[in-house]
Amino acid sequence: MEALVWLGGDRLEIEDLPSEVPKSDETLFTVSLAGICGSDLHAYRGSGGKRVPPLILGHEAVGRIPGDDRLFVVLPLEGCHHCTLCASGQENLCNERQLLGLDRPGTFAQEVVVPTSALVAVPEGLSADVAALTEPLATSLAAFKGLELGPDTKVAVIGCGSIGLLAIYAAAFTGAQVVATDPMTERSEAALELGATSVVASADDFAAGSMDIVIDAVGIEATWGAGMRAVRNGGAVVIVGLGQFSGKMQIGDLVRRGISVRGTYAYTRADFEAALALLAKSPPTIGWLERLPLSEGATAFADLAGQRTNAVKILLQPVGSSD
């Protein structure tokens, strides 16, 4: 099968690999489209974390299984099913969790073996391109968990990659007033298309204390600091981005103003299914997506990393896929 293999650093090569044989509780999944995530780019830039090359990256996928005409998306994160966190529906925080493209071969291939329980059927009529957004949208929905959203809610989104853009889309669906920022013109334009009421040039341009909720989809000291300045007393700053692993935070300001600052990682199955349902109910515009053949994956990574493409999100299409 055709596979895009990460060999460490910025080295990616197309290889012809044998197909895996699924176990009794697994299914061989034929990939139609697989999205490139910011975490895949982290590995490409040299911050692979637990990823050990050679490895097939990728964890966002839509495709098909043998003997079934339906389209499926894959829930790529699996917990141990035995710990307290898994029992409470927080499998995303399980210490033994496994993710496609990190702990096992990922989706940048014609085929990938996945747990059968990971398959979620796509509602009839929803396109493969939109369904491919289920995983990143689930992350965005998880960021809002426990927070009230509605027409009177003012939300700021810092960073308009796919997570930030889909946070805008999710918040705007509730009627919330969303202001976004990103240095790239194409991303700012996509933010407006997905429901932002306005965009500003920099996170420092948010009026101090003007926001109820701030989503930091960048995750560096400058952006979470700007988010804390922008949020009102008693408001919430949610950090989704992993641009910086450590840094300073104004704890005195956090305490005196009663600000809630939390990180959020991935999503639960409930978030994933809610994301797919929202996409089916109100499909977003997708002009910010681009399809490329899997064979051009190395070029796609280089263009995204070097900001040499107008596409915010690139979906890789293996040879033979017709969706």
C-alpha atoms as a PDB file:
ATOM      1  CA  MET A   1       0.000   0.000   0.000  1.00  0.00           C
ATOM      2  CA  GLU A   2       1.019   3.622  -0.531  1.00  0.00           C
ATOM      3  CA  ALA A   3       2.094   5.322   2.713  1.00  0.00           C
ATOM      4  CA  LEU A   4       3.705   8.624   3.647  1.00  0.00           C
ATOM      5  CA  VAL A   5       6.376   7.719   6.198  1.00  0.00           C
ATOM      6  CA  TRP A   6       7.972  10.183   8.595  1.00  0.00           C
ATOM      7  CA  LEU A   7      11.678   9.405   8.949  1.00  0.00           C
ATOM      8  CA  GLY A   8      12.444  12.067  11.557  1.00  0.00           C
ATOM      9  CA  GLY A   9      12.771  15.837  11.369  1.00  0.00           C
ATOM     10  CA  ASP A  10      11.545  17.160   8.030  1.00  0.00           C
ATOM     11  CA  ARG A  11      12.112  13.877   6.185  1.00  0.00           C
ATOM     12  CA  LEU A  12       8.984  12.346   4.654  1.00  0.00           C
ATOM     13  CA  GLU A  13       8.942   9.725   1.933  1.00  0.00           C
ATOM     14  CA  ILE A  14       6.329   7.767   0.032  1.00  0.00           C
ATOM     15  CA  GLU A  15       6.873   4.044   0.566  1.00  0.00           C
ATOM     16  CA  ASP A  16       5.144   0.889  -0.623  1.00  0.00           C
ATOM     17  CA  LEU A  17       4.383  -1.065   2.556  1.00  0.00           C
ATOM     18  CA  PRO A  18       2.521  -4.320   3.216  1.00  0.00           C
ATOM     19  CA  SER A  19      -0.977  -3.973   4.631  1.00  0.00           C
ATOM     20  CA  GLU A  20      -1.441  -4.791   8.313  1.00  0.00           C
ATOM     21  CA  VAL A  21      -3.640  -7.708   9.311  1.00  0.00           C
ATOM     22  CA  PRO A  22      -6.396  -6.650  11.732  1.00  0.00           C
ATOM     23  CA  LYS A  23      -7.018  -8.540  14.968  1.00  0.00           C
ATOM     24  CA  SER A  24     -10.448  -9.827  15.926  1.00  0.00           C
ATOM     25  CA  ASP A  25     -11.499  -6.489  17.440  1.00  0.00           C
ATOM     26  CA  GLU A  26      -9.996  -4.409  14.619  1.00  0.00           C
ATOM     27  CA  THR A  27     -10.939  -3.379  11.080  1.00  0.00           C
ATOM     28  CA  LEU A  28      -8.904  -2.569   7.994  1.00  0.00           C
ATOM     29  CA  PHE A  29      -9.925   0.983   7.132  1.00  0.00           C
ATOM     30  CA  THR A  30      -9.453   2.348   3.595  1.00  0.00           C
ATOM     31  CA  VAL A  31      -8.550   6.035   3.825  1.00  0.00           C
ATOM     32  CA  SER A  32     -10.384   8.467   1.551  1.00  0.00           C
ATOM     33  CA  LEU A  33      -8.994  11.695   3.015  1.00  0.00           C
ATOM     34  CA  ALA A  34      -6.590  12.418   5.868  1.00  0.00           C
ATOM     35  CA  GLY A  35      -6.034  15.892   7.280  1.00  0.00           C
ATOM     36  CA  ILE A  36      -2.660  17.320   8.257  1.00  0.00           C
ATOM     37  CA  CYS A  37      -2.839  18.516  11.879  1.00  0.00           C
ATOM     38  CA  GLY A  38      -0.653  21.030  13.667  1.00  0.00           C
ATOM     39  CA  SER A  39       0.679  18.203  15.842  1.00  0.00           C
ATOM     40  CA  ASP A  40       1.898  16.425  12.699  1.00  0.00           C
ATOM     41  CA  LEU A  41       3.751  19.633  11.847  1.00  0.00           C
ATOM     42  CA  HIS A  42       5.286  19.657  15.341  1.00  0.00           C
ATOM     43  CA  ALA A  43       6.953  16.336  14.516  1.00  0.00           C
ATOM     44  CA  TYR A  44       8.045  17.654  11.127  1.00  0.00           C
ATOM     45  CA  ARG A  45       9.635  20.679  12.807  1.00  0.00           C
ATOM     46  CA  GLY A  46      11.575  18.504  15.227  1.00  0.00           C
ATOM     47  CA  SER A  47       9.272  18.354  18.252  1.00  0.00           C
ATOM     48  CA  GLY A  48       7.803  14.910  17.786  1.00  0.00           C
ATOM     49  CA  GLY A  49       7.397  14.173  21.493  1.00  0.00           C
ATOM     50  CA  LYS A  50       6.608  10.470  21.903  1.00  0.00           C
ATOM     51  CA  ARG A  51       6.646   9.895  18.142  1.00  0.00           C
ATOM     52  CA  VAL A  52       9.469   7.582  17.094  1.00  0.00           C
ATOM     53  CA  PRO A  53      10.472   7.381  13.408  1.00  0.00           C
ATOM     54  CA  PRO A  54       9.941   5.650  11.102  1.00  0.00           C
ATOM     55  CA  LEU A  55       6.230   6.268  11.590  1.00  0.00           C
ATOM     56  CA  ILE A  56       3.140   6.891   9.485  1.00  0.00           C
ATOM     57  CA  LEU A  57       1.729  10.125  10.900  1.00  0.00           C
ATOM     58  CA  GLY A  58      -1.882  11.299  10.727  1.00  0.00           C
ATOM     59  CA  HIS A  59      -4.950  10.857  12.919  1.00  0.00           C
ATOM     60  CA  GLU A  60      -7.728  12.718  11.089  1.00  0.00           C
ATOM     61  CA  ALA A  61      -9.413  10.472   8.547  1.00  0.00           C
ATOM     62  CA  VAL A  62     -12.575   9.673   6.667  1.00  0.00           C
ATOM     63  CA  GLY A  63     -12.943   6.524   4.588  1.00  0.00           C
ATOM     64  CA  ARG A  64     -14.579   3.138   4.131  1.00  0.00           C
ATOM     65  CA  ILE A  65     -14.502  -0.441   5.378  1.00  0.00           C
ATOM     66  CA  PRO A  66     -14.982  -3.726   3.486  1.00  0.00           C
ATOM     67  CA  GLY A  67     -18.557  -4.809   2.849  1.00  0.00           C
ATOM     68  CA  ASP A  68     -20.187  -1.509   3.813  1.00  0.00           C
ATOM     69  CA  ASP A  69     -21.273   1.286   1.467  1.00  0.00           C
ATOM     70  CA  ARG A  70     -21.229   3.928   4.183  1.00  0.00           C
ATOM     71  CA  LEU A  71     -18.570   6.545   4.822  1.00  0.00           C
ATOM     72  CA  PHE A  72     -16.939   6.531   8.264  1.00  0.00           C
ATOM     73  CA  VAL A  73     -14.758   8.826  10.335  1.00  0.00           C
ATOM     74  CA  VAL A  74     -12.240   7.339  12.754  1.00  0.00           C
ATOM     75  CA  LEU A  75     -12.091   8.260  16.425  1.00  0.00           C
ATOM     76  CA  PRO A  76      -8.287   8.083  16.662  1.00  0.00           C
ATOM     77  CA  LEU A  77      -7.902   8.285  20.438  1.00  0.00           C
ATOM     78  CA  GLU A  78      -8.455   5.232  22.624  1.00  0.00           C
ATOM     79  CA  GLY A  79      -8.137   4.896  26.382  1.00  0.00           C
ATOM     80  CA  CYS A  80      -7.393   1.774  28.416  1.00  0.00           C
ATOM     81  CA  HIS A  81     -11.126   1.229  29.156  1.00  0.00           C
ATOM     82  CA  HIS A  82     -10.298   0.254  32.758  1.00  0.00           C
ATOM     83  CA  CYS A  83      -9.147   3.320  34.693  1.00  0.00           C
ATOM     84  CA  THR A  84     -11.286   5.819  36.612  1.00  0.00           C
ATOM     85  CA  LEU A  85     -10.891   8.442  33.903  1.00  0.00           C
ATOM     86  CA  CYS A  86     -12.095   6.108  31.155  1.00  0.00           C
ATOM     87  CA  ALA A  87     -15.010   5.003  33.332  1.00  0.00           C
ATOM     88  CA  SER A  88     -16.043   8.653  33.736  1.00  0.00           C
ATOM     89  CA  GLY A  89     -15.910   9.334  29.996  1.00  0.00           C
ATOM     90  CA  GLN A  90     -12.595  11.191  30.086  1.00  0.00           C
ATOM     91  CA  GLU A  91     -10.631   8.749  27.974  1.00  0.00           C
ATOM     92  CA  ASN A  92      -8.704  11.668  26.488  1.00  0.00           C
ATOM     93  CA  LEU A  93      -6.933  12.036  29.859  1.00  0.00           C
ATOM     94  CA  CYS A  94      -6.205   8.340  30.349  1.00  0.00           C
ATOM     95  CA  ASN A  95      -2.542   7.750  31.189  1.00  0.00           C
ATOM     96  CA  GLU A  96      -2.504   4.747  28.854  1.00  0.00           C
ATOM     97  CA  ARG A  97      -4.290   6.426  25.940  1.00  0.00           C
ATOM     98  CA  GLN A  98      -3.126   5.688  22.423  1.00  0.00           C
ATOM     99  CA  LEU A  99      -3.423   7.867  19.350  1.00  0.00           C
ATOM    100  CA  LEU A 100      -3.162   6.922  15.701  1.00  0.00           C
ATOM    101  CA  GLY A 101      -0.063   8.472  14.177  1.00  0.00           C
ATOM    102  CA  LEU A 102       1.689   8.609  17.529  1.00  0.00           C
ATOM    103  CA  ASP A 103       1.458   5.308  19.372  1.00  0.00           C
ATOM    104  CA  ARG A 104       0.510   3.213  16.329  1.00  0.00           C
ATOM    105  CA  PRO A 105       0.601   3.700  12.531  1.00  0.00           C
ATOM    106  CA  GLY A 106      -1.472   6.643  11.365  1.00  0.00           C
ATOM    107  CA  THR A 107      -3.752   7.637   8.535  1.00  0.00           C
ATOM    108  CA  PHE A 108      -1.370   8.974   5.872  1.00  0.00           C
ATOM    109  CA  ALA A 109      -1.693   5.719   3.968  1.00  0.00           C
ATOM    110  CA  GLN A 110      -4.099   3.885   1.712  1.00  0.00           C
ATOM    111  CA  GLU A 111      -5.095   1.640   4.603  1.00  0.00           C
ATOM    112  CA  VAL A 112      -4.807   1.617   8.368  1.00  0.00           C
ATOM    113  CA  VAL A 113      -5.886  -0.901  10.986  1.00  0.00           C
ATOM    114  CA  VAL A 114      -8.170   0.670  13.586  1.00  0.00           C
ATOM    115  CA  PRO A 115     -10.238  -0.620  16.514  1.00  0.00           C
ATOM    116  CA  THR A 116     -13.693  -1.473  15.177  1.00  0.00           C
ATOM    117  CA  SER A 117     -15.155   0.588  18.029  1.00  0.00           C
ATOM    118  CA  ALA A 118     -13.397   3.658  16.610  1.00  0.00           C
ATOM    119  CA  LEU A 119     -15.586   3.749  13.493  1.00  0.00           C
ATOM    120  CA  VAL A 120     -18.349   6.371  13.470  1.00  0.00           C
ATOM    121  CA  ALA A 121     -20.713   6.398  10.488  1.00  0.00           C
ATOM    122  CA  VAL A 122     -21.013   9.663   8.574  1.00  0.00           C
ATOM    123  CA  PRO A 123     -24.617  10.906   8.162  1.00  0.00           C
ATOM    124  CA  GLU A 124     -25.928  10.401   4.652  1.00  0.00           C
ATOM    125  CA  GLY A 125     -25.351  13.369   2.372  1.00  0.00           C
ATOM    126  CA  LEU A 126     -22.390  14.831   4.274  1.00  0.00           C
ATOM    127  CA  SER A 127     -19.363  15.221   2.002  1.00  0.00           C
ATOM    128  CA  ALA A 128     -16.058  13.546   2.771  1.00  0.00           C
ATOM    129  CA  ASP A 129     -14.300  16.931   2.896  1.00  0.00           C
ATOM    130  CA  VAL A 130     -16.608  18.230   5.617  1.00  0.00           C
ATOM    131  CA  ALA A 131     -16.637  14.920   7.508  1.00  0.00           C
ATOM    132  CA  ALA A 132     -12.824  15.075   7.590  1.00  0.00           C
ATOM    133  CA  LEU A 133     -13.183  18.049   9.959  1.00  0.00           C
ATOM    134  CA  THR A 134     -14.810  15.937  12.688  1.00  0.00           C
ATOM    135  CA  GLU A 135     -11.617  15.373  14.677  1.00  0.00           C
ATOM    136  CA  PRO A 136     -10.386  18.990  14.816  1.00  0.00           C
ATOM    137  CA  LEU A 137     -13.934  20.249  15.489  1.00  0.00           C
ATOM    138  CA  ALA A 138     -14.196  17.804  18.403  1.00  0.00           C
ATOM    139  CA  THR A 139     -11.094  19.469  19.878  1.00  0.00           C
ATOM    140  CA  SER A 140     -12.723  22.889  19.485  1.00  0.00           C
ATOM    141  CA  LEU A 141     -15.960  21.731  21.101  1.00  0.00           C
ATOM    142  CA  ALA A 142     -14.020  20.272  24.029  1.00  0.00           C
ATOM    143  CA  ALA A 143     -12.420  23.678  24.585  1.00  0.00           C
ATOM    144  CA  PHE A 144     -15.857  25.167  25.260  1.00  0.00           C
ATOM    145  CA  LYS A 145     -16.964  22.390  27.605  1.00  0.00           C
ATOM    146  CA  GLY A 146     -18.511  23.735  30.796  1.00  0.00           C
ATOM    147  CA  LEU A 147     -18.739  27.282  29.404  1.00  0.00           C
ATOM    148  CA  GLU A 148     -21.963  29.069  28.477  1.00  0.00           C
ATOM    149  CA  LEU A 149     -22.266  30.198  24.865  1.00  0.00           C
ATOM    150  CA  GLY A 150     -25.076  32.277  23.414  1.00  0.00           C
ATOM    151  CA  PRO A 151     -25.977  35.584  21.746  1.00  0.00           C
ATOM    152  CA  ASP A 152     -24.699  37.617  24.689  1.00  0.00           C
ATOM    153  CA  THR A 153     -21.345  35.815  24.888  1.00  0.00           C
ATOM    154  CA  LYS A 154     -18.225  37.581  23.641  1.00  0.00           C
ATOM    155  CA  VAL A 155     -15.523  35.186  22.458  1.00  0.00           C
ATOM    156  CA  ALA A 156     -12.000  35.910  21.280  1.00  0.00           C
ATOM    157  CA  VAL A 157     -10.087  33.327  19.246  1.00  0.00           C
ATOM    158  CA  ILE A 158      -6.321  33.699  18.971  1.00  0.00           C
ATOM    159  CA  GLY A 159      -4.871  31.777  16.039  1.00  0.00           C
ATOM    160  CA  CYS A 160      -6.927  30.737  13.036  1.00  0.00           C
ATOM    161  CA  GLY A 161      -5.539  27.373  12.101  1.00  0.00           C
ATOM    162  CA  SER A 162      -8.112  24.627  11.793  1.00  0.00           C
ATOM    163  CA  ILE A 163      -8.753  24.409  15.564  1.00  0.00           C
ATOM    164  CA  GLY A 164      -9.212  28.159  15.865  1.00  0.00           C
ATOM    165  CA  LEU A 165     -11.398  28.388  12.775  1.00  0.00           C
ATOM    166  CA  LEU A 166     -13.618  25.561  13.948  1.00  0.00           C
ATOM    167  CA  ALA A 167     -13.875  27.171  17.385  1.00  0.00           C
ATOM    168  CA  ILE A 168     -15.179  30.259  15.592  1.00  0.00           C
ATOM    169  CA  TYR A 169     -17.655  28.129  13.646  1.00  0.00           C
ATOM    170  CA  ALA A 170     -18.879  26.357  16.800  1.00  0.00           C
ATOM    171  CA  ALA A 171     -19.243  29.568  18.811  1.00  0.00           C
ATOM    172  CA  ALA A 172     -20.926  31.449  15.966  1.00  0.00           C
ATOM    173  CA  PHE A 173     -23.461  28.614  15.623  1.00  0.00           C
ATOM    174  CA  THR A 174     -24.709  29.490  19.127  1.00  0.00           C
ATOM    175  CA  GLY A 175     -25.012  33.169  18.188  1.00  0.00           C
ATOM    176  CA  ALA A 176     -21.963  34.240  20.171  1.00  0.00           C
ATOM    177  CA  GLN A 177     -20.079  37.361  19.097  1.00  0.00           C
ATOM    178  CA  VAL A 178     -16.649  36.212  17.972  1.00  0.00           C
ATOM    179  CA  VAL A 179     -13.561  38.340  17.376  1.00  0.00           C
ATOM    180  CA  ALA A 180     -10.517  36.597  15.917  1.00  0.00           C
ATOM    181  CA  THR A 181      -6.899  37.316  15.161  1.00  0.00           C
ATOM    182  CA  ASP A 182      -4.247  35.721  12.981  1.00  0.00           C
ATOM    183  CA  PRO A 183      -1.289  37.301  11.151  1.00  0.00           C
ATOM    184  CA  MET A 184      -2.104  35.492   7.896  1.00  0.00           C
ATOM    185  CA  THR A 185      -4.625  37.246   5.644  1.00  0.00           C
ATOM    186  CA  GLU A 186      -6.072  34.007   4.277  1.00  0.00           C
ATOM    187  CA  ARG A 187      -6.836  32.762   7.768  1.00  0.00           C
ATOM    188  CA  SER A 188      -8.428  36.050   8.808  1.00  0.00           C
ATOM    189  CA  GLU A 189     -10.654  35.905   5.742  1.00  0.00           C
ATOM    190  CA  ALA A 190     -11.631  32.325   6.565  1.00  0.00           C
ATOM    191  CA  ALA A 191     -12.474  33.427  10.115  1.00  0.00           C
ATOM    192  CA  LEU A 192     -15.020  35.905   8.760  1.00  0.00           C
ATOM    193  CA  GLU A 193     -16.475  33.270   6.443  1.00  0.00           C
ATOM    194  CA  LEU A 194     -16.947  30.900   9.381  1.00  0.00           C
ATOM    195  CA  GLY A 195     -18.799  33.414  11.526  1.00  0.00           C
ATOM    196  CA  ALA A 196     -16.394  35.834  13.189  1.00  0.00           C
ATOM    197  CA  THR A 197     -17.994  39.248  13.549  1.00  0.00           C
ATOM    198  CA  SER A 198     -14.620  40.937  13.146  1.00  0.00           C
ATOM    199  CA  VAL A 199     -10.886  40.327  13.078  1.00  0.00           C
ATOM    200  CA  VAL A 200      -8.078  42.346  14.630  1.00  0.00           C
ATOM    201  CA  ALA A 201      -4.460  42.554  13.564  1.00  0.00           C
ATOM    202  CA  SER A 202      -3.001  41.295  16.829  1.00  0.00           C
ATOM    203  CA  ALA A 203      -4.103  39.680  20.084  1.00  0.00           C
ATOM    204  CA  ASP A 204      -2.848  42.836  21.767  1.00  0.00           C
ATOM    205  CA  ASP A 205      -5.626  44.724  19.959  1.00  0.00           C
ATOM    206  CA  PHE A 206      -8.426  43.135  21.984  1.00  0.00           C
ATOM    207  CA  ALA A 207      -9.875  45.714  24.372  1.00  0.00           C
ATOM    208  CA  ALA A 208      -8.808  44.948  27.929  1.00  0.00           C
ATOM    209  CA  GLY A 209     -11.446  43.065  29.893  1.00  0.00           C
ATOM    210  CA  SER A 210     -13.828  42.912  26.933  1.00  0.00           C
ATOM    211  CA  MET A 211     -14.207  39.156  26.422  1.00  0.00           C
ATOM    212  CA  ASP A 212     -16.111  36.478  28.304  1.00  0.00           C
ATOM    213  CA  ILE A 213     -14.093  33.628  26.819  1.00  0.00           C
ATOM    214  CA  VAL A 214     -10.716  33.528  25.084  1.00  0.00           C
ATOM    215  CA  ILE A 215      -9.591  30.501  23.086  1.00  0.00           C
ATOM    216  CA  ASP A 216      -5.814  30.447  22.676  1.00  0.00           C
ATOM    217  CA  ALA A 217      -5.206  28.168  19.719  1.00  0.00           C
ATOM    218  CA  VAL A 218      -1.520  29.168  19.553  1.00  0.00           C
ATOM    219  CA  GLY A 219      -0.296  28.452  23.068  1.00  0.00           C
ATOM    220  CA  ILE A 220       2.730  30.660  23.603  1.00  0.00           C
ATOM    221  CA  GLU A 221       3.468  33.099  26.427  1.00  0.00           C
ATOM    222  CA  ALA A 222       2.549  36.128  24.327  1.00  0.00           C
ATOM    223  CA  THR A 223      -0.859  34.743  23.349  1.00  0.00           C
ATOM    224  CA  TRP A 224      -1.995  33.418  26.721  1.00  0.00           C
ATOM    225  CA  GLY A 225      -0.816  36.698  28.263  1.00  0.00           C
ATOM    226  CA  ALA A 226      -2.845  38.655  25.709  1.00  0.00           C
ATOM    227  CA  GLY A 227      -5.809  36.394  26.397  1.00  0.00           C
ATOM    228  CA  MET A 228      -5.646  37.099  30.120  1.00  0.00           C
ATOM    229  CA  ARG A 229      -5.611  40.848  29.443  1.00  0.00           C
ATOM    230  CA  ALA A 230      -8.541  40.574  27.048  1.00  0.00           C
ATOM    231  CA  VAL A 231     -10.840  38.499  29.268  1.00  0.00           C
ATOM    232  CA  ARG A 232     -13.189  40.155  31.756  1.00  0.00           C
ATOM    233  CA  ASN A 233     -13.000  39.616  35.501  1.00  0.00           C
ATOM    234  CA  GLY A 234     -14.343  36.145  36.173  1.00  0.00           C
ATOM    235  CA  GLY A 235     -13.938  35.128  32.537  1.00  0.00           C
ATOM    236  CA  ALA A 236     -12.222  32.066  31.094  1.00  0.00           C
ATOM    237  CA  VAL A 237      -9.074  31.563  29.030  1.00  0.00           C
ATOM    238  CA  VAL A 238      -8.767  28.123  27.432  1.00  0.00           C
ATOM    239  CA  ILE A 239      -5.381  27.115  26.027  1.00  0.00           C
ATOM    240  CA  VAL A 240      -5.589  24.605  23.183  1.00  0.00           C
ATOM    241  CA  GLY A 241      -2.372  25.340  21.302  1.00  0.00           C
ATOM    242  CA  LEU A 242       0.961  23.773  22.203  1.00  0.00           C
ATOM    243  CA  GLY A 243       3.292  26.330  20.697  1.00  0.00           C
ATOM    244  CA  GLN A 244       5.362  26.586  23.884  1.00  0.00           C
ATOM    245  CA  PHE A 245       5.743  23.937  26.577  1.00  0.00           C
ATOM    246  CA  SER A 246       6.542  26.302  29.444  1.00  0.00           C
ATOM    247  CA  GLY A 247       6.492  30.019  30.162  1.00  0.00           C
ATOM    248  CA  LYS A 248       5.476  32.757  32.577  1.00  0.00           C
ATOM    249  CA  MET A 249       1.913  33.626  33.542  1.00  0.00           C
ATOM    250  CA  GLN A 250       0.653  36.544  35.644  1.00  0.00           C
ATOM    251  CA  ILE A 251      -0.686  34.516  38.566  1.00  0.00           C
ATOM    252  CA  GLY A 252      -1.357  37.622  40.644  1.00  0.00           C
ATOM    253  CA  ASP A 253      -3.628  38.946  37.906  1.00  0.00           C
ATOM    254  CA  LEU A 254      -5.314  35.558  37.601  1.00  0.00           C
ATOM    255  CA  VAL A 255      -6.079  35.482  41.341  1.00  0.00           C
ATOM    256  CA  ARG A 256      -7.136  39.102  41.852  1.00  0.00           C
ATOM    257  CA  ARG A 257      -9.415  39.112  38.811  1.00  0.00           C
ATOM    258  CA  GLY A 258     -10.826  35.642  39.352  1.00  0.00           C
ATOM    259  CA  ILE A 259      -9.849  34.473  35.883  1.00  0.00           C
ATOM    260  CA  SER A 260     -10.163  30.803  35.004  1.00  0.00           C
ATOM    261  CA  VAL A 261      -7.260  29.516  32.909  1.00  0.00           C
ATOM    262  CA  ARG A 262      -7.219  25.897  31.815  1.00  0.00           C
ATOM    263  CA  GLY A 263      -5.658  23.681  29.240  1.00  0.00           C
ATOM    264  CA  THR A 264      -7.633  21.215  27.181  1.00  0.00           C
ATOM    265  CA  TYR A 265      -6.363  18.135  25.398  1.00  0.00           C
ATOM    266  CA  ALA A 266      -8.194  16.410  22.581  1.00  0.00           C
ATOM    267  CA  TYR A 267     -11.792  15.290  23.199  1.00  0.00           C
ATOM    268  CA  THR A 268     -14.039  12.512  24.408  1.00  0.00           C
ATOM    269  CA  ARG A 269     -16.161  10.206  22.282  1.00  0.00           C
ATOM    270  CA  ALA A 270     -19.156  12.370  23.179  1.00  0.00           C
ATOM    271  CA  ASP A 271     -17.330  15.452  21.833  1.00  0.00           C
ATOM    272  CA  PHE A 272     -16.414  13.561  18.663  1.00  0.00           C
ATOM    273  CA  GLU A 273     -19.982  12.455  17.997  1.00  0.00           C
ATOM    274  CA  ALA A 274     -21.303  15.952  18.773  1.00  0.00           C
ATOM    275  CA  ALA A 275     -18.834  17.407  16.269  1.00  0.00           C
ATOM    276  CA  LEU A 276     -20.015  15.099  13.501  1.00  0.00           C
ATOM    277  CA  ALA A 277     -23.655  15.906  14.301  1.00  0.00           C
ATOM    278  CA  LEU A 278     -22.969  19.659  14.127  1.00  0.00           C
ATOM    279  CA  LEU A 279     -21.197  19.315  10.778  1.00  0.00           C
ATOM    280  CA  ALA A 280     -24.204  17.434   9.422  1.00  0.00           C
ATOM    281  CA  LYS A 281     -26.685  19.958  10.818  1.00  0.00           C
ATOM    282  CA  SER A 282     -24.892  23.084   9.593  1.00  0.00           C
ATOM    283  CA  PRO A 283     -21.968  22.303   7.236  1.00  0.00           C
ATOM    284  CA  PRO A 284     -19.308  25.036   7.276  1.00  0.00           C
ATOM    285  CA  THR A 285     -17.800  26.688   4.238  1.00  0.00           C
ATOM    286  CA  ILE A 286     -14.686  24.811   3.117  1.00  0.00           C
ATOM    287  CA  GLY A 287     -12.887  27.205   0.798  1.00  0.00           C
ATOM    288  CA  TRP A 288     -10.004  27.150   3.284  1.00  0.00           C
ATOM    289  CA  LEU A 289      -9.392  23.449   2.602  1.00  0.00           C
ATOM    290  CA  GLU A 290      -7.261  21.988  -0.166  1.00  0.00           C
ATOM    291  CA  ARG A 291      -7.039  18.395  -1.422  1.00  0.00           C
ATOM    292  CA  LEU A 292      -3.689  17.056  -2.548  1.00  0.00           C
ATOM    293  CA  PRO A 293      -2.590  13.546  -3.524  1.00  0.00           C
ATOM    294  CA  LEU A 294      -0.865  11.628  -0.743  1.00  0.00           C
ATOM    295  CA  SER A 295       2.119  11.385  -3.084  1.00  0.00           C
ATOM    296  CA  GLU A 296       2.546  15.173  -2.668  1.00  0.00           C
ATOM    297  CA  GLY A 297       2.467  14.909   1.120  1.00  0.00           C
ATOM    298  CA  ALA A 298       6.091  15.936   1.648  1.00  0.00           C
ATOM    299  CA  THR A 299       5.521  19.095  -0.386  1.00  0.00           C
ATOM    300  CA  ALA A 300       2.295  19.805   1.518  1.00  0.00           C
ATOM    301  CA  PHE A 301       4.126  19.580   4.847  1.00  0.00           C
ATOM    302  CA  ALA A 302       6.898  21.869   3.618  1.00  0.00           C
ATOM    303  CA  ASP A 303       4.408  24.433   2.308  1.00  0.00           C
ATOM    304  CA  LEU A 304       2.389  24.458   5.541  1.00  0.00           C
ATOM    305  CA  ALA A 305       5.497  24.677   7.706  1.00  0.00           C
ATOM    306  CA  GLY A 306       6.903  27.486   5.583  1.00  0.00           C
ATOM    307  CA  GLN A 307       3.548  29.261   5.224  1.00  0.00           C
ATOM    308  CA  ARG A 308       3.849  29.013   1.438  1.00  0.00           C
ATOM    309  CA  THR A 309       0.246  27.992   0.819  1.00  0.00           C
ATOM    310  CA  ASN A 310      -3.059  29.825   0.970  1.00  0.00           C
ATOM    311  CA  ALA A 311      -4.756  26.706   2.329  1.00  0.00           C
ATOM    312  CA  VAL A 312      -5.343  26.608   6.078  1.00  0.00           C
ATOM    313  CA  LYS A 313      -5.948  22.878   6.018  1.00  0.00           C
ATOM    314  CA  ILE A 314      -4.640  20.279   3.562  1.00  0.00           C
ATOM    315  CA  LEU A 315      -6.395  16.943   3.104  1.00  0.00           C
ATOM    316  CA  LEU A 316      -4.240  14.196   1.623  1.00  0.00           C
ATOM    317  CA  GLN A 317      -5.940  11.752  -0.762  1.00  0.00           C
ATOM    318  CA  PRO A 318      -4.364   8.324  -1.239  1.00  0.00           C
ATOM    319  CA  VAL A 319      -4.219   6.833  -4.695  1.00  0.00           C
ATOM    320  CA  GLY A 320      -7.429   4.987  -5.588  1.00  0.00           C
ATOM    321  CA  SER A 321      -9.689   7.095  -3.353  1.00  0.00           C
ATOM    322  CA  SER A 322     -12.804   8.305  -5.155  1.00  0.00           C
ATOM    323  CA  ASP A 323     -14.625  10.193  -2.358  1.00  0.00           C
END
